[in-house]
Amino acid sequence: MNDLFNNSQYFVAFITGLLGGVHCFGMCGGIVGALTLGSSDINNILQNQQKKSHSKIIILLGYNLGRLSGYVVAGLIVAGLSTTLVDLTGIDDIKKILAVVASIFMVALGLYLAGLWQGLAKIENVGAVLWKRIQPFTKHFMPVRTIQQAIPLGFLWGWLPCGLVYTALTWTLSASSAIEGGLIMLAFGVGTLPNLLAMGVLAEKLSGWVRNPTVRLVSGLLVVLLGVLTLIRL
């Protein structure tokens, strides 16, 4: 149990990504659907043959590979800046403070997912300023016909304003190194994979389920619980 808690940052990041699937559908479901089901251009290329169906899956995997790469790069940058700040100031307590902030963000995220508090939406609006500069580059890779287009598109979409991702990034602020920050974001990204991969194949069926108020409430409260437990351990 101690070993689990010693590495809990990765475990919590993974579980939060997994439970955050109810939010992923709203933010990224349309993108994934366009890559696999919703785009007539893609359907014209990929339908009618089993071999083409395999290509559709490969494109979906390429998109998610790029998305996770974007998360890892963001984690490396944020954790790198944080550790540099601590090294320059020599104030080790900064890490402790940032860890508390990260736990509070997790509680806020849980309330957001549960539909009980919309404060994180304001943070997403702040991130939209950066996204306006990134979004034009996505047009160079659409419509997606190959994995070579899907990977860079996924990388760019990984920077989409998202309270779920921003919360995960706050954990990297207290990481002991840039590498650790990248690994935290990788664990988080892997946690989101089951939901987003399923969306590509079962998007229509999943839509009603993830919008169910009970599903959102339970998922959100579980994230709140994780945040509270993490805060107690600090």
C-alpha atoms as a PDB file:
ATOM      1  CA  MET A   1       0.000   0.000   0.000  1.00  0.00           C
ATOM      2  CA  ASN A   2       2.838   2.392   0.796  1.00  0.00           C
ATOM      3  CA  ASP A   3       4.394   1.724  -2.597  1.00  0.00           C
ATOM      4  CA  LEU A   4       1.066   2.568  -4.179  1.00  0.00           C
ATOM      5  CA  PHE A   5       0.859   5.869  -2.326  1.00  0.00           C
ATOM      6  CA  ASN A   6       4.493   6.673  -3.088  1.00  0.00           C
ATOM      7  CA  ASN A   7       3.632   6.424  -6.780  1.00  0.00           C
ATOM      8  CA  SER A   8       0.086   7.705  -6.362  1.00  0.00           C
ATOM      9  CA  GLN A   9       0.632  10.682  -8.660  1.00  0.00           C
ATOM     10  CA  TYR A  10       0.701   8.320 -11.650  1.00  0.00           C
ATOM     11  CA  PHE A  11      -2.167   6.205 -10.343  1.00  0.00           C
ATOM     12  CA  VAL A  12      -4.338   9.230  -9.597  1.00  0.00           C
ATOM     13  CA  ALA A  13      -3.500  10.777 -12.985  1.00  0.00           C
ATOM     14  CA  PHE A  14      -4.535   7.557 -14.739  1.00  0.00           C
ATOM     15  CA  ILE A  15      -7.784   7.159 -12.775  1.00  0.00           C
ATOM     16  CA  THR A  16      -8.713  10.815 -13.282  1.00  0.00           C
ATOM     17  CA  GLY A  17      -8.198  10.464 -17.017  1.00  0.00           C
ATOM     18  CA  LEU A  18     -10.361   7.350 -16.976  1.00  0.00           C
ATOM     19  CA  LEU A  19     -13.192   8.883 -14.926  1.00  0.00           C
ATOM     20  CA  GLY A  20     -12.966  12.102 -16.903  1.00  0.00           C
ATOM     21  CA  GLY A  21     -14.320  10.281 -19.939  1.00  0.00           C
ATOM     22  CA  VAL A  22     -17.673  11.972 -19.439  1.00  0.00           C
ATOM     23  CA  HIS A  23     -15.921  15.275 -20.134  1.00  0.00           C
ATOM     24  CA  CYS A  24     -13.768  13.860 -22.961  1.00  0.00           C
ATOM     25  CA  PHE A  25     -16.878  13.015 -24.939  1.00  0.00           C
ATOM     26  CA  GLY A  26     -18.070  16.593 -24.871  1.00  0.00           C
ATOM     27  CA  MET A  27     -14.670  18.113 -25.700  1.00  0.00           C
ATOM     28  CA  CYS A  28     -13.186  15.561 -28.110  1.00  0.00           C
ATOM     29  CA  GLY A  29     -16.044  13.282 -29.107  1.00  0.00           C
ATOM     30  CA  GLY A  30     -16.834  15.364 -32.168  1.00  0.00           C
ATOM     31  CA  ILE A  31     -13.202  15.351 -33.251  1.00  0.00           C
ATOM     32  CA  VAL A  32     -12.888  11.598 -32.903  1.00  0.00           C
ATOM     33  CA  GLY A  33     -16.192  11.132 -34.657  1.00  0.00           C
ATOM     34  CA  ALA A  34     -14.966  13.237 -37.581  1.00  0.00           C
ATOM     35  CA  LEU A  35     -11.841  11.118 -37.796  1.00  0.00           C
ATOM     36  CA  THR A  36     -13.737   7.844 -37.893  1.00  0.00           C
ATOM     37  CA  LEU A  37     -17.469   8.176 -38.519  1.00  0.00           C
ATOM     38  CA  GLY A  38     -18.613  11.717 -39.025  1.00  0.00           C
ATOM     39  CA  SER A  39     -16.612  12.800 -42.076  1.00  0.00           C
ATOM     40  CA  SER A  40     -18.020  11.874 -45.460  1.00  0.00           C
ATOM     41  CA  ASP A  41     -14.563  12.247 -47.010  1.00  0.00           C
ATOM     42  CA  ILE A  42     -13.117   9.702 -44.606  1.00  0.00           C
ATOM     43  CA  ASN A  43     -16.061   7.354 -45.027  1.00  0.00           C
ATOM     44  CA  ASN A  44     -15.714   7.420 -48.806  1.00  0.00           C
ATOM     45  CA  ILE A  45     -12.111   6.338 -48.451  1.00  0.00           C
ATOM     46  CA  LEU A  46     -12.404   3.850 -45.630  1.00  0.00           C
ATOM     47  CA  GLN A  47     -15.706   2.006 -46.123  1.00  0.00           C
ATOM     48  CA  ASN A  48     -16.738  -1.071 -48.130  1.00  0.00           C
ATOM     49  CA  GLN A  49     -13.630  -3.205 -47.470  1.00  0.00           C
ATOM     50  CA  GLN A  50     -12.308  -4.866 -44.335  1.00  0.00           C
ATOM     51  CA  LYS A  51      -8.833  -3.602 -45.170  1.00  0.00           C
ATOM     52  CA  LYS A  52     -10.164  -0.053 -45.194  1.00  0.00           C
ATOM     53  CA  SER A  53     -11.761  -0.602 -41.797  1.00  0.00           C
ATOM     54  CA  HIS A  54      -8.343  -1.448 -40.439  1.00  0.00           C
ATOM     55  CA  SER A  55      -7.080   1.848 -41.884  1.00  0.00           C
ATOM     56  CA  LYS A  56      -9.781   3.674 -39.949  1.00  0.00           C
ATOM     57  CA  ILE A  57      -8.564   2.105 -36.709  1.00  0.00           C
ATOM     58  CA  ILE A  58      -4.963   2.997 -37.556  1.00  0.00           C
ATOM     59  CA  ILE A  59      -5.960   6.635 -38.096  1.00  0.00           C
ATOM     60  CA  LEU A  60      -7.742   6.656 -34.737  1.00  0.00           C
ATOM     61  CA  LEU A  61      -4.659   5.220 -33.030  1.00  0.00           C
ATOM     62  CA  GLY A  62      -2.461   7.770 -34.792  1.00  0.00           C
ATOM     63  CA  TYR A  63      -4.656  10.617 -33.578  1.00  0.00           C
ATOM     64  CA  ASN A  64      -4.431   9.406 -29.988  1.00  0.00           C
ATOM     65  CA  LEU A  65      -0.676   8.857 -30.243  1.00  0.00           C
ATOM     66  CA  GLY A  66      -0.311  12.473 -31.302  1.00  0.00           C
ATOM     67  CA  ARG A  67      -2.667  13.650 -28.557  1.00  0.00           C
ATOM     68  CA  LEU A  68      -0.720  11.816 -25.836  1.00  0.00           C
ATOM     69  CA  SER A  69       2.520  13.217 -27.243  1.00  0.00           C
ATOM     70  CA  GLY A  70       1.074  16.705 -26.860  1.00  0.00           C
ATOM     71  CA  TYR A  71       0.206  15.982 -23.235  1.00  0.00           C
ATOM     72  CA  VAL A  72       3.706  14.691 -22.509  1.00  0.00           C
ATOM     73  CA  VAL A  73       5.351  17.742 -24.082  1.00  0.00           C
ATOM     74  CA  ALA A  74       3.094  20.028 -22.021  1.00  0.00           C
ATOM     75  CA  GLY A  75       4.025  18.097 -18.873  1.00  0.00           C
ATOM     76  CA  LEU A  76       7.723  18.374 -19.660  1.00  0.00           C
ATOM     77  CA  ILE A  77       7.431  22.141 -20.180  1.00  0.00           C
ATOM     78  CA  VAL A  78       5.345  22.898 -17.078  1.00  0.00           C
ATOM     79  CA  ALA A  79       7.366  20.634 -14.758  1.00  0.00           C
ATOM     80  CA  GLY A  80      10.610  21.933 -16.222  1.00  0.00           C
ATOM     81  CA  LEU A  81       9.618  25.544 -15.531  1.00  0.00           C
ATOM     82  CA  SER A  82       8.478  24.622 -12.016  1.00  0.00           C
ATOM     83  CA  THR A  83      11.693  22.825 -11.067  1.00  0.00           C
ATOM     84  CA  THR A  84      13.739  25.661 -12.529  1.00  0.00           C
ATOM     85  CA  LEU A  85      11.835  28.131 -10.355  1.00  0.00           C
ATOM     86  CA  VAL A  86      12.535  26.059  -7.234  1.00  0.00           C
ATOM     87  CA  ASP A  87      16.225  25.745  -8.150  1.00  0.00           C
ATOM     88  CA  LEU A  88      16.568  29.481  -8.702  1.00  0.00           C
ATOM     89  CA  THR A  89      14.753  30.501  -5.520  1.00  0.00           C
ATOM     90  CA  GLY A  90      15.981  27.655  -3.311  1.00  0.00           C
ATOM     91  CA  ILE A  91      12.551  27.510  -1.650  1.00  0.00           C
ATOM     92  CA  ASP A  92      11.606  23.841  -1.382  1.00  0.00           C
ATOM     93  CA  ASP A  93       8.257  24.643   0.246  1.00  0.00           C
ATOM     94  CA  ILE A  94       7.054  25.880  -3.143  1.00  0.00           C
ATOM     95  CA  LYS A  95       6.588  22.254  -4.189  1.00  0.00           C
ATOM     96  CA  LYS A  96       4.430  21.604  -1.131  1.00  0.00           C
ATOM     97  CA  ILE A  97       2.247  24.604  -1.911  1.00  0.00           C
ATOM     98  CA  LEU A  98       1.893  23.551  -5.537  1.00  0.00           C
ATOM     99  CA  ALA A  99       0.914  20.033  -4.454  1.00  0.00           C
ATOM    100  CA  VAL A 100      -1.880  21.501  -2.326  1.00  0.00           C
ATOM    101  CA  VAL A 101      -3.015  23.625  -5.278  1.00  0.00           C
ATOM    102  CA  ALA A 102      -3.052  20.515  -7.484  1.00  0.00           C
ATOM    103  CA  SER A 103      -5.257  18.660  -4.999  1.00  0.00           C
ATOM    104  CA  ILE A 104      -7.661  21.592  -4.805  1.00  0.00           C
ATOM    105  CA  PHE A 105      -7.828  21.634  -8.591  1.00  0.00           C
ATOM    106  CA  MET A 106      -8.722  17.942  -8.527  1.00  0.00           C
ATOM    107  CA  VAL A 107     -11.627  18.606  -6.181  1.00  0.00           C
ATOM    108  CA  ALA A 108     -12.727  21.471  -8.446  1.00  0.00           C
ATOM    109  CA  LEU A 109     -12.511  19.163 -11.453  1.00  0.00           C
ATOM    110  CA  GLY A 110     -14.689  16.561  -9.741  1.00  0.00           C
ATOM    111  CA  LEU A 111     -17.348  19.178  -8.994  1.00  0.00           C
ATOM    112  CA  TYR A 112     -17.102  20.330 -12.613  1.00  0.00           C
ATOM    113  CA  LEU A 113     -17.522  16.812 -13.996  1.00  0.00           C
ATOM    114  CA  ALA A 114     -20.467  16.234 -11.667  1.00  0.00           C
ATOM    115  CA  GLY A 115     -22.130  19.407 -12.905  1.00  0.00           C
ATOM    116  CA  LEU A 116     -22.102  20.951  -9.429  1.00  0.00           C
ATOM    117  CA  TRP A 117     -19.709  23.847 -10.139  1.00  0.00           C
ATOM    118  CA  GLN A 118     -18.629  25.410 -13.433  1.00  0.00           C
ATOM    119  CA  GLY A 119     -15.591  27.364 -12.272  1.00  0.00           C
ATOM    120  CA  LEU A 120     -13.165  25.426 -14.463  1.00  0.00           C
ATOM    121  CA  ALA A 121     -15.050  26.592 -17.529  1.00  0.00           C
ATOM    122  CA  LYS A 122     -13.558  30.057 -16.904  1.00  0.00           C
ATOM    123  CA  ILE A 123     -10.057  28.557 -16.986  1.00  0.00           C
ATOM    124  CA  GLU A 124     -10.909  26.876 -20.282  1.00  0.00           C
ATOM    125  CA  ASN A 125     -11.879  30.291 -21.625  1.00  0.00           C
ATOM    126  CA  VAL A 126      -8.413  31.593 -20.713  1.00  0.00           C
ATOM    127  CA  GLY A 127      -6.824  28.695 -22.587  1.00  0.00           C
ATOM    128  CA  ALA A 128      -8.933  29.550 -25.626  1.00  0.00           C
ATOM    129  CA  VAL A 129      -6.617  32.507 -26.258  1.00  0.00           C
ATOM    130  CA  LEU A 130      -3.702  30.140 -26.944  1.00  0.00           C
ATOM    131  CA  TRP A 131      -5.957  27.760 -28.865  1.00  0.00           C
ATOM    132  CA  LYS A 132      -6.909  30.517 -31.331  1.00  0.00           C
ATOM    133  CA  ARG A 133      -3.255  30.657 -32.373  1.00  0.00           C
ATOM    134  CA  ILE A 134      -2.906  26.879 -32.652  1.00  0.00           C
ATOM    135  CA  GLN A 135      -6.196  25.978 -34.332  1.00  0.00           C
ATOM    136  CA  PRO A 136      -5.331  27.350 -37.813  1.00  0.00           C
ATOM    137  CA  PHE A 137      -2.528  24.782 -38.102  1.00  0.00           C
ATOM    138  CA  THR A 138      -5.032  21.910 -37.794  1.00  0.00           C
ATOM    139  CA  LYS A 139      -6.459  22.772 -41.212  1.00  0.00           C
ATOM    140  CA  HIS A 140      -3.247  21.562 -42.849  1.00  0.00           C
ATOM    141  CA  PHE A 141      -4.030  17.967 -41.816  1.00  0.00           C
ATOM    142  CA  MET A 142      -7.735  17.782 -42.638  1.00  0.00           C
ATOM    143  CA  PRO A 143      -9.535  15.868 -43.981  1.00  0.00           C
ATOM    144  CA  VAL A 144      -7.549  13.045 -42.404  1.00  0.00           C
ATOM    145  CA  ARG A 145      -6.736  10.257 -44.835  1.00  0.00           C
ATOM    146  CA  THR A 146      -3.477   8.861 -43.463  1.00  0.00           C
ATOM    147  CA  ILE A 147      -1.780   8.226 -40.139  1.00  0.00           C
ATOM    148  CA  GLN A 148       0.831  10.808 -41.173  1.00  0.00           C
ATOM    149  CA  GLN A 149      -1.947  13.404 -40.966  1.00  0.00           C
ATOM    150  CA  ALA A 150      -3.617  11.933 -37.875  1.00  0.00           C
ATOM    151  CA  ILE A 151      -0.545  12.067 -35.601  1.00  0.00           C
ATOM    152  CA  PRO A 152       0.250  15.803 -35.983  1.00  0.00           C
ATOM    153  CA  LEU A 153      -3.464  16.636 -35.873  1.00  0.00           C
ATOM    154  CA  GLY A 154      -3.764  14.717 -32.604  1.00  0.00           C
ATOM    155  CA  PHE A 155      -0.727  16.543 -31.236  1.00  0.00           C
ATOM    156  CA  LEU A 156      -2.334  19.912 -31.987  1.00  0.00           C
ATOM    157  CA  TRP A 157      -5.737  18.906 -30.614  1.00  0.00           C
ATOM    158  CA  GLY A 158      -3.972  17.875 -27.411  1.00  0.00           C
ATOM    159  CA  TRP A 159      -3.681  21.611 -26.695  1.00  0.00           C
ATOM    160  CA  LEU A 160      -7.443  22.158 -26.901  1.00  0.00           C
ATOM    161  CA  PRO A 161      -8.656  24.205 -23.865  1.00  0.00           C
ATOM    162  CA  CYS A 162      -9.789  21.550 -21.400  1.00  0.00           C
ATOM    163  CA  GLY A 163     -10.287  21.778 -17.631  1.00  0.00           C
ATOM    164  CA  LEU A 164      -9.483  18.079 -17.339  1.00  0.00           C
ATOM    165  CA  VAL A 165      -6.082  18.509 -18.986  1.00  0.00           C
ATOM    166  CA  TYR A 166      -5.349  21.711 -17.083  1.00  0.00           C
ATOM    167  CA  THR A 167      -6.019  19.945 -13.802  1.00  0.00           C
ATOM    168  CA  ALA A 168      -3.588  17.183 -14.726  1.00  0.00           C
ATOM    169  CA  LEU A 169      -1.004  19.825 -15.621  1.00  0.00           C
ATOM    170  CA  THR A 170      -1.252  21.359 -12.139  1.00  0.00           C
ATOM    171  CA  TRP A 171       0.096  18.064 -10.743  1.00  0.00           C
ATOM    172  CA  THR A 172       3.227  18.462 -12.862  1.00  0.00           C
ATOM    173  CA  LEU A 173       3.940  21.751 -11.065  1.00  0.00           C
ATOM    174  CA  SER A 174       4.967  19.747  -8.003  1.00  0.00           C
ATOM    175  CA  ALA A 175       6.958  17.152  -9.975  1.00  0.00           C
ATOM    176  CA  SER A 176      10.592  16.680  -9.003  1.00  0.00           C
ATOM    177  CA  SER A 177      11.786  16.850 -12.622  1.00  0.00           C
ATOM    178  CA  ALA A 178      10.616  17.569 -16.151  1.00  0.00           C
ATOM    179  CA  ILE A 179      10.689  13.826 -16.902  1.00  0.00           C
ATOM    180  CA  GLU A 180       8.385  13.126 -13.964  1.00  0.00           C
ATOM    181  CA  GLY A 181       6.003  15.788 -15.232  1.00  0.00           C
ATOM    182  CA  GLY A 182       5.967  14.159 -18.655  1.00  0.00           C
ATOM    183  CA  LEU A 183       5.260  10.748 -17.104  1.00  0.00           C
ATOM    184  CA  ILE A 184       2.356  12.149 -15.069  1.00  0.00           C
ATOM    185  CA  MET A 185       0.772  13.475 -18.242  1.00  0.00           C
ATOM    186  CA  LEU A 186       1.438  10.183 -20.001  1.00  0.00           C
ATOM    187  CA  ALA A 187      -0.371   8.297 -17.225  1.00  0.00           C
ATOM    188  CA  PHE A 188      -3.250  10.754 -17.482  1.00  0.00           C
ATOM    189  CA  GLY A 189      -3.394  10.396 -21.258  1.00  0.00           C
ATOM    190  CA  VAL A 190      -3.407   6.608 -21.086  1.00  0.00           C
ATOM    191  CA  GLY A 191      -6.351   6.887 -18.693  1.00  0.00           C
ATOM    192  CA  THR A 192      -8.336   8.810 -21.310  1.00  0.00           C
ATOM    193  CA  LEU A 193      -7.616   6.262 -24.051  1.00  0.00           C
ATOM    194  CA  PRO A 194     -10.385   3.712 -23.343  1.00  0.00           C
ATOM    195  CA  ASN A 195     -13.078   6.371 -23.616  1.00  0.00           C
ATOM    196  CA  LEU A 196     -11.719   8.109 -26.702  1.00  0.00           C
ATOM    197  CA  LEU A 197     -10.909   4.878 -28.537  1.00  0.00           C
ATOM    198  CA  ALA A 198     -14.396   3.611 -27.783  1.00  0.00           C
ATOM    199  CA  MET A 199     -15.860   6.881 -29.035  1.00  0.00           C
ATOM    200  CA  GLY A 200     -14.300   6.299 -32.408  1.00  0.00           C
ATOM    201  CA  VAL A 201     -16.112   2.987 -32.770  1.00  0.00           C
ATOM    202  CA  LEU A 202     -19.230   3.415 -30.619  1.00  0.00           C
ATOM    203  CA  ALA A 203     -19.690   7.178 -30.649  1.00  0.00           C
ATOM    204  CA  GLU A 204     -23.431   7.122 -31.227  1.00  0.00           C
ATOM    205  CA  LYS A 205     -24.147   4.517 -28.534  1.00  0.00           C
ATOM    206  CA  LEU A 206     -21.883   6.178 -25.974  1.00  0.00           C
ATOM    207  CA  SER A 207     -23.415   9.602 -26.454  1.00  0.00           C
ATOM    208  CA  GLY A 208     -26.500   8.937 -24.370  1.00  0.00           C
ATOM    209  CA  TRP A 209     -24.626   7.045 -21.675  1.00  0.00           C
ATOM    210  CA  VAL A 210     -22.000   9.704 -20.929  1.00  0.00           C
ATOM    211  CA  ARG A 211     -24.647  12.432 -20.898  1.00  0.00           C
ATOM    212  CA  ASN A 212     -26.592  10.575 -18.232  1.00  0.00           C
ATOM    213  CA  PRO A 213     -26.664  12.893 -15.156  1.00  0.00           C
ATOM    214  CA  THR A 214     -26.109   9.945 -12.806  1.00  0.00           C
ATOM    215  CA  VAL A 215     -22.991   8.816 -14.692  1.00  0.00           C
ATOM    216  CA  ARG A 216     -21.582  12.339 -14.614  1.00  0.00           C
ATOM    217  CA  LEU A 217     -22.412  12.771 -10.930  1.00  0.00           C
ATOM    218  CA  VAL A 218     -20.823   9.489  -9.842  1.00  0.00           C
ATOM    219  CA  SER A 219     -17.694  10.050 -11.941  1.00  0.00           C
ATOM    220  CA  GLY A 220     -17.310  13.590 -10.641  1.00  0.00           C
ATOM    221  CA  LEU A 221     -17.751  12.639  -6.994  1.00  0.00           C
ATOM    222  CA  LEU A 222     -15.155   9.879  -7.356  1.00  0.00           C
ATOM    223  CA  VAL A 223     -12.671  12.459  -8.639  1.00  0.00           C
ATOM    224  CA  VAL A 224     -13.572  14.718  -5.685  1.00  0.00           C
ATOM    225  CA  LEU A 225     -12.836  11.801  -3.354  1.00  0.00           C
ATOM    226  CA  LEU A 226      -9.447  11.230  -4.992  1.00  0.00           C
ATOM    227  CA  GLY A 227      -8.652  14.915  -4.571  1.00  0.00           C
ATOM    228  CA  VAL A 228      -9.621  14.928  -0.907  1.00  0.00           C
ATOM    229  CA  LEU A 229      -7.588  11.772  -0.184  1.00  0.00           C
ATOM    230  CA  THR A 230      -4.581  13.249  -1.975  1.00  0.00           C
ATOM    231  CA  LEU A 231      -4.912  16.475   0.020  1.00  0.00           C
ATOM    232  CA  ILE A 232      -5.116  14.557   3.314  1.00  0.00           C
ATOM    233  CA  ARG A 233      -1.887  12.697   2.491  1.00  0.00           C
ATOM    234  CA  LEU A 234       0.128  15.882   1.960  1.00  0.00           C
END
